């Protein structure tokens, strides 16, 4: 009888232990589920904020693209008209009417030529928003993104941004402005250039046309990099929207 009682007690104790272990495992599982759910909710909020950041970036990047499109077409126009010959490269497609209403002129237009010279020293700052991506990494939840394509796209965009922040084109613009002021008493940022005929001015001053030609290439490079950044940002936004849509569906 004693043996039977001991056996029953052992079975009872083992059963109690098993129940306790199962209870602990269930509690841990629920806790992990809650923590994962909390992390995913937090991640979703940050991804929404990241879309806002990227849309702000796109505002600056598109404005920068429009500026350099106009500057590049302006450089080519000034060189073509002052040297009276067509260049082999093609004009960029006009992006906006921000700087010049309507189509760019094909014939000599002194007002347009003057505006092209003024635009040669224009410069914008691209203010990249990093608060959301910084928060994501500081909280250590970047790794919680399950979509590898989205992870790669985010890294690709923010990894490319040093190309945008390090604008050596700006130094060339500063040198060009100083060149015009020191050699010709021309301040291109002023409302009036005091040039009767900008085309003739360039035609008779080869050092000016040489300088303009040296500015066109870097402007092209800047334009291309800005458009790469635009494409990367738009790709991230699309992938985030797809990811959030799938998460909401779940």
Protein backbone atom coordinates (compact mmCIF):
# COMPACT_ATOMS: atom_id res chain seq x y z
CA UNK A 1 0.00 0.00 0.00
CA UNK A 2 2.85 2.32 0.88
CA UNK A 3 4.39 1.60 -2.51
CA UNK A 4 1.09 2.33 -4.24
CA UNK A 5 0.74 5.62 -2.35
CA UNK A 6 4.31 6.59 -3.23
CA UNK A 7 3.68 5.80 -6.87
CA UNK A 8 0.54 7.88 -6.89
CA UNK A 9 2.35 10.77 -5.20
CA UNK A 10 5.15 10.58 -7.78
CA UNK A 11 2.68 10.53 -10.65
CA UNK A 12 0.84 13.43 -9.08
CA UNK A 13 4.07 15.40 -8.55
CA UNK A 14 5.25 14.70 -12.10
CA UNK A 15 1.86 15.74 -13.41
CA UNK A 16 2.05 18.97 -11.40
CA UNK A 17 5.56 19.66 -12.73
CA UNK A 18 4.44 18.99 -16.27
CA UNK A 19 1.48 21.35 -15.85
CA UNK A 20 3.74 24.04 -14.38
CA UNK A 21 6.24 23.65 -17.23
CA UNK A 22 3.45 23.77 -19.80
CA UNK A 23 2.07 26.86 -18.07
CA UNK A 24 5.48 28.54 -18.14
CA UNK A 25 5.96 27.67 -21.82
CA UNK A 26 2.52 29.04 -22.67
CA UNK A 27 3.25 32.21 -20.69
CA UNK A 28 6.58 32.64 -22.43
CA UNK A 29 4.97 32.02 -25.78
CA UNK A 30 2.26 34.61 -25.09
CA UNK A 31 4.88 37.06 -23.83
CA UNK A 32 7.02 36.53 -26.94
CA UNK A 33 3.96 36.93 -29.14
CA UNK A 34 3.06 40.17 -27.36
CA UNK A 35 6.62 41.46 -27.66
CA UNK A 36 6.78 40.57 -31.35
CA UNK A 37 3.39 42.18 -31.91
CA UNK A 38 4.55 45.28 -30.05
CA UNK A 39 7.75 45.40 -32.14
CA UNK A 40 5.83 44.97 -35.39
CA UNK A 41 3.36 47.71 -34.43
CA UNK A 42 6.28 49.98 -33.54
CA UNK A 43 7.98 49.09 -36.82
CA UNK A 44 4.82 49.85 -38.80
CA UNK A 45 4.55 53.31 -37.23
CA UNK A 46 8.19 54.05 -38.03
CA UNK A 47 7.73 52.82 -41.61
CA UNK A 48 4.82 55.23 -42.02
CA UNK A 49 7.07 58.01 -40.69
CA UNK A 50 9.81 56.87 -43.05
CA UNK A 51 7.45 57.37 -45.99
CA UNK A 52 6.91 60.96 -44.79
CA UNK A 53 10.68 61.47 -44.54
CA UNK A 54 11.21 60.10 -48.04
CA UNK A 55 8.48 62.30 -49.49
CA UNK A 56 10.21 65.30 -47.91
CA UNK A 57 13.49 64.11 -49.46
CA UNK A 58 11.80 63.79 -52.85
CA UNK A 59 10.63 67.40 -52.62
CA UNK A 60 14.24 68.57 -52.28
CA UNK A 61 15.60 66.06 -54.78
CA UNK A 62 13.07 66.90 -57.48
CA UNK A 63 13.72 70.60 -57.01
CA UNK A 64 17.44 69.91 -57.35
CA UNK A 65 16.83 67.85 -60.51
CA UNK A 66 14.78 70.67 -62.03
CA UNK A 67 17.51 73.19 -61.25
CA UNK A 68 20.30 71.14 -62.83
CA UNK A 69 18.17 70.27 -65.84
CA UNK A 70 17.72 73.99 -66.45
CA UNK A 71 21.38 74.76 -65.81
CA UNK A 72 22.56 72.01 -68.18
CA UNK A 73 20.21 73.09 -70.96
CA UNK A 74 21.26 76.68 -70.28
CA UNK A 75 24.97 75.86 -70.59
CA UNK A 76 24.36 74.04 -73.85
CA UNK A 77 22.23 76.89 -75.18
CA UNK A 78 24.89 79.51 -74.37
CA UNK A 79 27.64 77.45 -75.99
CA UNK A 80 25.62 76.65 -79.09
CA UNK A 81 24.53 80.22 -79.73
CA UNK A 82 27.87 81.84 -78.90
CA UNK A 83 29.86 79.37 -81.01
CA UNK A 84 27.18 79.19 -83.72
CA UNK A 85 27.18 75.41 -83.93
CA UNK A 86 25.15 72.44 -82.73
CA UNK A 87 26.65 70.08 -80.20
CA UNK A 88 26.44 66.32 -80.53
CA UNK A 89 24.81 65.82 -77.14
CA UNK A 90 21.04 66.05 -76.80
CA UNK A 91 19.19 68.49 -74.63
CA UNK A 92 17.57 67.16 -71.49
CA UNK A 93 13.81 66.95 -71.37
CA UNK A 94 12.30 70.02 -69.72
CA UNK A 95 11.05 69.10 -66.25
CA UNK A 96 9.07 72.17 -65.21
CA UNK A 97 8.14 75.79 -65.86
CA UNK A 98 9.70 76.91 -62.59
CA UNK A 99 12.51 78.85 -64.27
CA UNK A 100 11.23 79.47 -67.80
CA UNK A 101 7.62 79.48 -68.95
CA UNK A 102 6.98 77.36 -72.02
CA UNK A 103 9.47 75.67 -74.32
CA UNK A 104 13.12 76.71 -74.34
CA UNK A 105 13.94 78.94 -77.33
CA UNK A 106 15.74 77.53 -80.37
CA UNK A 107 16.78 80.93 -81.67
CA UNK A 108 18.76 83.64 -79.92
CA UNK A 109 16.75 85.04 -77.04
CA UNK A 110 18.73 87.55 -74.98
CA UNK A 111 16.36 87.37 -72.01
CA UNK A 112 16.75 83.59 -71.88
CA UNK A 113 20.53 83.85 -72.33
CA UNK A 114 20.75 86.26 -69.40
CA UNK A 115 18.67 83.91 -67.25
CA UNK A 116 20.98 81.02 -68.19
CA UNK A 117 23.99 82.97 -66.92
CA UNK A 118 22.19 83.80 -63.68
CA UNK A 119 21.20 80.16 -63.23
CA UNK A 120 24.82 79.10 -63.66
CA UNK A 121 25.49 80.17 -60.05
CA UNK A 122 22.24 78.97 -58.50
CA UNK A 123 22.48 76.26 -55.88
CA UNK A 124 20.07 74.42 -53.60
CA UNK A 125 20.61 72.48 -50.41
CA UNK A 126 19.18 68.97 -50.31
CA UNK A 127 17.99 68.41 -46.74
CA UNK A 128 17.80 64.66 -46.16
CA UNK A 129 15.50 63.52 -43.36
CA UNK A 130 17.02 60.75 -41.23
CA UNK A 131 14.95 60.83 -38.02
CA UNK A 132 12.91 57.71 -38.82
CA UNK A 133 15.77 55.55 -40.07
CA UNK A 134 17.87 56.67 -37.08
CA UNK A 135 15.06 55.75 -34.68
CA UNK A 136 14.65 52.37 -36.35
CA UNK A 137 18.34 51.56 -35.95
CA UNK A 138 18.64 53.01 -32.44
CA UNK A 139 15.74 50.83 -31.25
CA UNK A 140 17.35 47.82 -32.91
CA UNK A 141 14.25 46.91 -34.90
CA UNK A 142 15.65 47.30 -38.40
CA UNK A 143 16.40 43.56 -38.30
CA UNK A 144 12.68 42.96 -37.60
CA UNK A 145 11.86 43.86 -41.20
CA UNK A 146 11.03 40.50 -42.74
CA UNK A 147 11.03 41.70 -46.33
CA UNK A 148 14.64 41.35 -47.53
CA UNK A 149 13.92 43.38 -50.67
CA UNK A 150 12.77 46.28 -48.48
CA UNK A 151 15.87 46.00 -46.27
CA UNK A 152 18.16 46.07 -49.30
CA UNK A 153 16.27 48.99 -50.82
CA UNK A 154 16.53 51.07 -47.61
CA UNK A 155 20.24 50.33 -47.32
CA UNK A 156 20.74 51.16 -50.99
CA UNK A 157 19.05 54.55 -50.65
CA UNK A 158 20.78 55.67 -47.45
CA UNK A 159 24.08 54.21 -48.62
CA UNK A 160 23.90 56.34 -51.76
CA UNK A 161 23.15 59.61 -49.96
CA UNK A 162 26.83 60.58 -49.41
CA UNK A 163 26.92 61.11 -53.19
CA UNK A 164 24.24 63.76 -52.71
CA UNK A 165 25.63 65.40 -49.58
CA UNK A 166 29.17 65.73 -50.98
CA UNK A 167 28.39 68.23 -53.72
CA UNK A 168 31.77 69.25 -55.18
CA UNK A 169 29.76 70.94 -57.96
CA UNK A 170 29.14 73.69 -55.39
CA UNK A 171 32.84 74.56 -55.22
CA UNK A 172 32.94 74.97 -59.00
CA UNK A 173 29.97 77.33 -58.85
CA UNK A 174 31.74 79.42 -56.21
CA UNK A 175 34.90 79.60 -58.37
CA UNK A 176 32.85 80.51 -61.45
CA UNK A 177 31.06 83.33 -59.61
CA UNK A 178 34.40 84.68 -58.38
CA UNK A 179 35.83 84.42 -61.91
CA UNK A 180 33.05 86.60 -63.35
CA UNK A 181 33.32 89.16 -60.56
CA UNK A 182 37.13 89.43 -60.60
CA UNK A 183 37.60 89.48 -64.37
CA UNK A 184 34.47 91.13 -65.77
CA UNK A 185 32.80 92.91 -62.82
CA UNK A 186 29.74 90.75 -63.39
CA UNK A 187 27.71 89.58 -60.41
CA UNK A 188 25.45 86.88 -61.87
CA UNK A 189 23.29 86.69 -58.76
CA UNK A 190 22.11 90.30 -59.26
CA UNK A 191 18.76 91.04 -60.84
CA UNK A 192 20.37 92.82 -63.79
CA UNK A 193 23.62 91.60 -65.34
CA UNK A 194 24.36 94.85 -67.22
CA UNK A 195 25.15 92.82 -70.32
CA UNK A 196 23.77 94.24 -73.56
CA UNK A 197 24.20 90.90 -75.31
CA UNK A 198 25.22 87.85 -73.23
CA UNK A 199 25.76 85.77 -76.37
CA UNK A 200 28.24 88.25 -77.85
CA UNK A 201 29.94 88.55 -74.47
CA UNK A 202 30.62 84.82 -74.41
CA UNK A 203 31.56 84.72 -78.09
CA UNK A 204 34.30 87.33 -77.62
CA UNK A 205 35.64 85.94 -74.34
CA UNK A 206 36.86 82.40 -74.90
CA UNK A 207 37.87 81.99 -71.27
CA UNK A 208 34.19 82.42 -70.39
CA UNK A 209 33.01 79.76 -72.83
CA UNK A 210 35.76 77.46 -71.56
CA UNK A 211 34.54 77.92 -68.01
CA UNK A 212 30.94 77.27 -69.04
CA UNK A 213 32.00 74.07 -70.78
CA UNK A 214 33.80 72.96 -67.60
CA UNK A 215 30.62 73.48 -65.58
CA UNK A 216 28.33 71.47 -67.87
CA UNK A 217 29.89 68.06 -67.12
CA UNK A 218 29.70 68.34 -63.30
CA UNK A 219 26.12 69.59 -63.59
CA UNK A 220 25.31 66.50 -65.66
CA UNK A 221 26.93 64.29 -63.01
CA UNK A 222 24.96 65.99 -60.25
CA UNK A 223 21.73 65.65 -62.24
CA UNK A 224 22.31 61.93 -62.77
CA UNK A 225 23.09 61.29 -59.08
CA UNK A 226 20.01 63.20 -57.94
CA UNK A 227 17.82 61.14 -60.28
CA UNK A 228 19.38 57.92 -59.00
CA UNK A 229 18.49 59.01 -55.46
CA UNK A 230 14.94 59.85 -56.60
CA UNK A 231 14.51 56.38 -58.08
CA UNK A 232 15.88 54.73 -54.94
CA UNK A 233 13.56 56.78 -52.67
CA UNK A 234 10.50 55.97 -54.81
CA UNK A 235 11.41 52.28 -54.73
CA UNK A 236 11.61 52.30 -50.92
CA UNK A 237 8.23 54.04 -50.65
CA UNK A 238 6.59 51.49 -52.95
CA UNK A 239 8.06 48.54 -51.05
CA UNK A 240 6.98 50.02 -47.70
CA UNK A 241 3.45 50.55 -48.99
CA UNK A 242 3.35 46.96 -50.22
CA UNK A 243 4.69 45.71 -46.89
CA UNK A 244 2.29 47.75 -44.77
CA UNK A 245 -0.61 46.70 -46.97
CA UNK A 246 0.22 43.03 -46.42
CA UNK A 247 0.66 43.57 -42.67
CA UNK A 248 -2.70 45.35 -42.40
CA UNK A 249 -4.32 42.51 -44.30
CA UNK A 250 -3.00 40.06 -41.72
